[in-house]
Amino acid sequence: MPVMSGSPQVKTPNLDALAADGITFKRHFAQATPCGPSRACLYTGMYMQNHRSVLNGTPMDSRHTNVALEARKYGYEPMLFGYTDTSLDPRKFGDGKTVPGGYEGVLPGMDPTYALTGDWKPWLDELKAKGYEVPDDPDEIFKPIQATESSCGKGKNFSPRLFQSRG
């Protein structure tokens, strides 16, 4: 199994297992961080300083087109399987403050065939099917685990709750 970091000194068994179960883009570059502005760059083809969506949840200015709207002009019907996490321009809706879908909105031009939202159940069901122990209450995932030897003196939130593989 390859080592994600490429270094024999840095062991990454969980990342290695994740990479073995999917696709790894080893030469991927993003236009911006965090994820929301980076997606806005992909959607609009613009730099962050131009589309001005600089933080997660910052609404996309409706004056800018996007890849889905442009594809529709040529007869394509872009379908969403997953999420775009696009905060829509509040100026396009009633009071100018309320945005349908909040930060989990669908990119204009996309048909949400299977939109994933904050509902963790489908993902947790997939993890269970792969043999991971998953708590019945999804919120348990985010609670800190009891102090371990490696977390000594680093605060109660140092260690994330980890999934334990049965296999």
Protein backbone atom coordinates (compact mmCIF):
# COMPACT_ATOMS: atom_id res chain seq x y z
CA MET A 1 0.00 0.00 0.00
CA PRO A 2 1.48 3.39 -0.93
CA VAL A 3 2.28 5.99 1.69
CA MET A 4 0.24 9.14 1.02
CA SER A 5 2.95 11.53 2.17
CA GLY A 6 5.65 9.83 0.08
CA SER A 7 7.85 9.81 3.16
CA PRO A 8 8.90 6.64 4.98
CA GLN A 9 9.06 8.63 8.25
CA VAL A 10 5.46 9.85 8.15
CA LYS A 11 2.99 6.99 8.54
CA THR A 12 -0.52 7.61 7.22
CA PRO A 13 -2.40 4.30 7.53
CA ASN A 14 -5.88 5.82 7.62
CA LEU A 15 -5.23 8.09 4.63
CA ASP A 16 -3.63 5.15 2.82
CA ALA A 17 -6.76 3.04 3.40
CA LEU A 18 -8.98 5.88 2.23
CA ALA A 19 -6.86 6.38 -0.90
CA ALA A 20 -6.92 2.65 -1.66
CA ASP A 21 -10.72 2.77 -1.62
CA GLY A 22 -11.01 5.70 -4.02
CA ILE A 23 -9.14 7.97 -6.38
CA THR A 24 -6.13 10.02 -5.36
CA PHE A 25 -5.29 13.25 -7.15
CA LYS A 26 -1.62 13.63 -6.30
CA ARG A 27 -1.08 16.76 -8.38
CA HIS A 28 -4.28 18.65 -7.55
CA PHE A 29 -4.08 22.39 -7.06
CA ALA A 30 -6.87 24.58 -5.72
CA GLN A 31 -7.42 28.23 -6.54
CA ALA A 32 -8.43 29.23 -3.02
CA THR A 33 -9.14 28.09 0.50
CA PRO A 34 -11.36 27.21 2.26
CA CYS A 35 -13.58 24.85 0.28
CA GLY A 36 -16.47 27.25 -0.46
CA PRO A 37 -14.36 29.89 -2.22
CA SER A 38 -12.40 27.13 -3.97
CA ARG A 39 -15.64 25.69 -5.38
CA ALA A 40 -16.75 29.19 -6.38
CA CYS A 41 -13.53 29.46 -8.43
CA LEU A 42 -14.32 26.16 -10.16
CA TYR A 43 -17.96 27.11 -10.77
CA THR A 44 -17.29 30.60 -12.13
CA GLY A 45 -13.82 30.24 -13.66
CA MET A 46 -12.84 33.36 -11.71
CA TYR A 47 -10.25 34.18 -9.09
CA MET A 48 -11.52 34.63 -5.55
CA GLN A 49 -10.83 38.38 -5.61
CA ASN A 50 -13.14 38.63 -8.64
CA HIS A 51 -16.10 36.48 -7.56
CA ARG A 52 -15.67 37.80 -3.97
CA SER A 53 -16.92 34.65 -2.25
CA VAL A 54 -14.07 34.64 0.26
CA LEU A 55 -15.45 32.57 3.15
CA ASN A 56 -17.58 29.44 3.41
CA GLY A 57 -21.19 30.54 3.27
CA THR A 58 -20.50 33.82 1.43
CA PRO A 59 -23.27 34.15 -1.16
CA MET A 60 -22.38 33.88 -4.84
CA ASP A 61 -23.17 37.10 -6.68
CA SER A 62 -25.92 36.26 -9.19
CA ARG A 63 -24.34 38.60 -11.76
CA HIS A 64 -21.69 35.94 -12.37
CA THR A 65 -22.46 32.99 -14.58
CA ASN A 66 -21.26 29.49 -13.74
CA VAL A 67 -20.33 26.26 -15.47
CA ALA A 68 -23.84 24.76 -15.09
CA LEU A 69 -25.61 27.81 -16.56
CA GLU A 70 -23.12 27.91 -19.44
CA ALA A 71 -23.59 24.18 -20.14
CA ARG A 72 -27.38 24.71 -20.30
CA LYS A 73 -26.88 27.26 -23.08
CA TYR A 74 -25.52 24.42 -25.20
CA GLY A 75 -28.29 21.95 -24.45
CA TYR A 76 -26.71 20.07 -21.55
CA GLU A 77 -28.68 19.31 -18.40
CA PRO A 78 -26.18 19.37 -15.50
CA MET A 79 -27.26 17.03 -12.72
CA LEU A 80 -26.06 17.14 -9.15
CA PHE A 81 -25.05 14.00 -7.31
CA GLY A 82 -23.54 15.27 -4.08
CA TYR A 83 -23.45 18.89 -3.07
CA THR A 84 -22.37 22.27 -4.34
CA ASP A 85 -22.75 24.10 -1.00
CA THR A 86 -23.56 27.34 -2.74
CA SER A 87 -25.07 30.20 -0.78
CA LEU A 88 -27.35 31.89 -3.25
CA ASP A 89 -27.47 35.66 -3.73
CA PRO A 90 -29.97 36.96 -1.12
CA ARG A 91 -30.86 39.90 -3.38
CA LYS A 92 -32.71 37.41 -5.60
CA PHE A 93 -35.17 36.44 -2.85
CA GLY A 94 -38.02 38.25 -1.07
CA ASP A 95 -36.51 40.25 1.78
CA GLY A 96 -32.94 40.26 0.45
CA LYS A 97 -31.67 38.56 3.61
CA THR A 98 -33.12 35.05 3.62
CA VAL A 99 -31.46 32.48 1.38
CA PRO A 100 -33.27 29.20 0.65
CA GLY A 101 -31.05 26.27 1.57
CA GLY A 102 -28.61 28.39 3.56
CA TYR A 103 -25.03 27.51 2.73
CA GLU A 104 -26.20 24.12 1.41
CA GLY A 105 -27.87 25.62 -1.64
CA VAL A 106 -27.63 24.13 -5.10
CA LEU A 107 -25.59 25.90 -7.77
CA PRO A 108 -27.95 27.68 -10.19
CA GLY A 109 -28.29 25.62 -13.36
CA MET A 110 -27.86 22.26 -11.62
CA ASP A 111 -30.69 19.75 -11.29
CA PRO A 112 -30.35 18.25 -7.79
CA THR A 113 -30.84 14.62 -8.79
CA TYR A 114 -29.37 13.42 -5.50
CA ALA A 115 -28.37 16.33 -3.30
CA LEU A 116 -26.43 15.51 -0.15
CA THR A 117 -27.07 17.82 2.78
CA GLY A 118 -26.26 17.80 6.48
CA ASP A 119 -28.12 14.49 6.76
CA TRP A 120 -25.33 12.07 7.67
CA LYS A 121 -27.43 8.91 7.52
CA PRO A 122 -26.52 7.75 3.97
CA TRP A 123 -22.81 8.22 4.63
CA LEU A 124 -22.97 6.48 8.01
CA ASP A 125 -24.90 3.59 6.43
CA GLU A 126 -22.12 3.21 3.86
CA LEU A 127 -19.47 3.16 6.59
CA LYS A 128 -21.43 0.48 8.47
CA ALA A 129 -21.69 -1.59 5.28
CA LYS A 130 -17.88 -1.39 4.97
CA GLY A 131 -17.44 -2.80 8.45
CA TYR A 132 -16.84 0.32 10.52
CA GLU A 133 -18.35 0.71 13.97
CA VAL A 134 -20.60 3.74 13.73
CA PRO A 135 -22.55 5.15 16.68
CA ASP A 136 -26.33 5.17 16.42
CA ASP A 137 -26.36 8.89 17.19
CA PRO A 138 -24.38 10.75 14.46
CA ASP A 139 -23.54 13.55 16.92
CA GLU A 140 -21.42 11.04 18.87
CA ILE A 141 -18.83 11.23 16.08
CA PHE A 142 -17.92 14.77 17.05
CA LYS A 143 -17.67 14.27 20.81
CA PRO A 144 -14.13 14.03 22.19
CA ILE A 145 -12.94 10.61 23.27
CA GLN A 146 -11.57 10.04 26.73
CA ALA A 147 -8.02 11.18 27.33
CA THR A 148 -5.41 8.82 25.94
CA GLU A 149 -1.73 8.55 26.60
CA SER A 150 -0.95 10.64 23.50
CA SER A 151 -3.42 13.39 24.46
CA CYS A 152 -2.09 13.91 27.96
CA GLY A 153 -1.99 17.63 28.74
CA LYS A 154 -3.38 18.68 25.35
CA GLY A 155 -6.97 19.35 26.41
CA LYS A 156 -10.16 17.33 26.23
CA ASN A 157 -10.73 18.00 22.53
CA PHE A 158 -7.30 16.88 21.31
CA SER A 159 -8.23 13.38 20.19
CA PRO A 160 -10.94 13.11 17.54
CA ARG A 161 -13.35 10.22 17.73
CA LEU A 162 -12.04 7.64 15.32
CA PHE A 163 -13.95 4.94 13.51
CA GLN A 164 -12.73 1.49 14.39
CA SER A 165 -12.60 -1.03 11.55
CA ARG A 166 -13.85 -4.52 12.31
CA GLY A 167 -11.87 -6.06 9.56
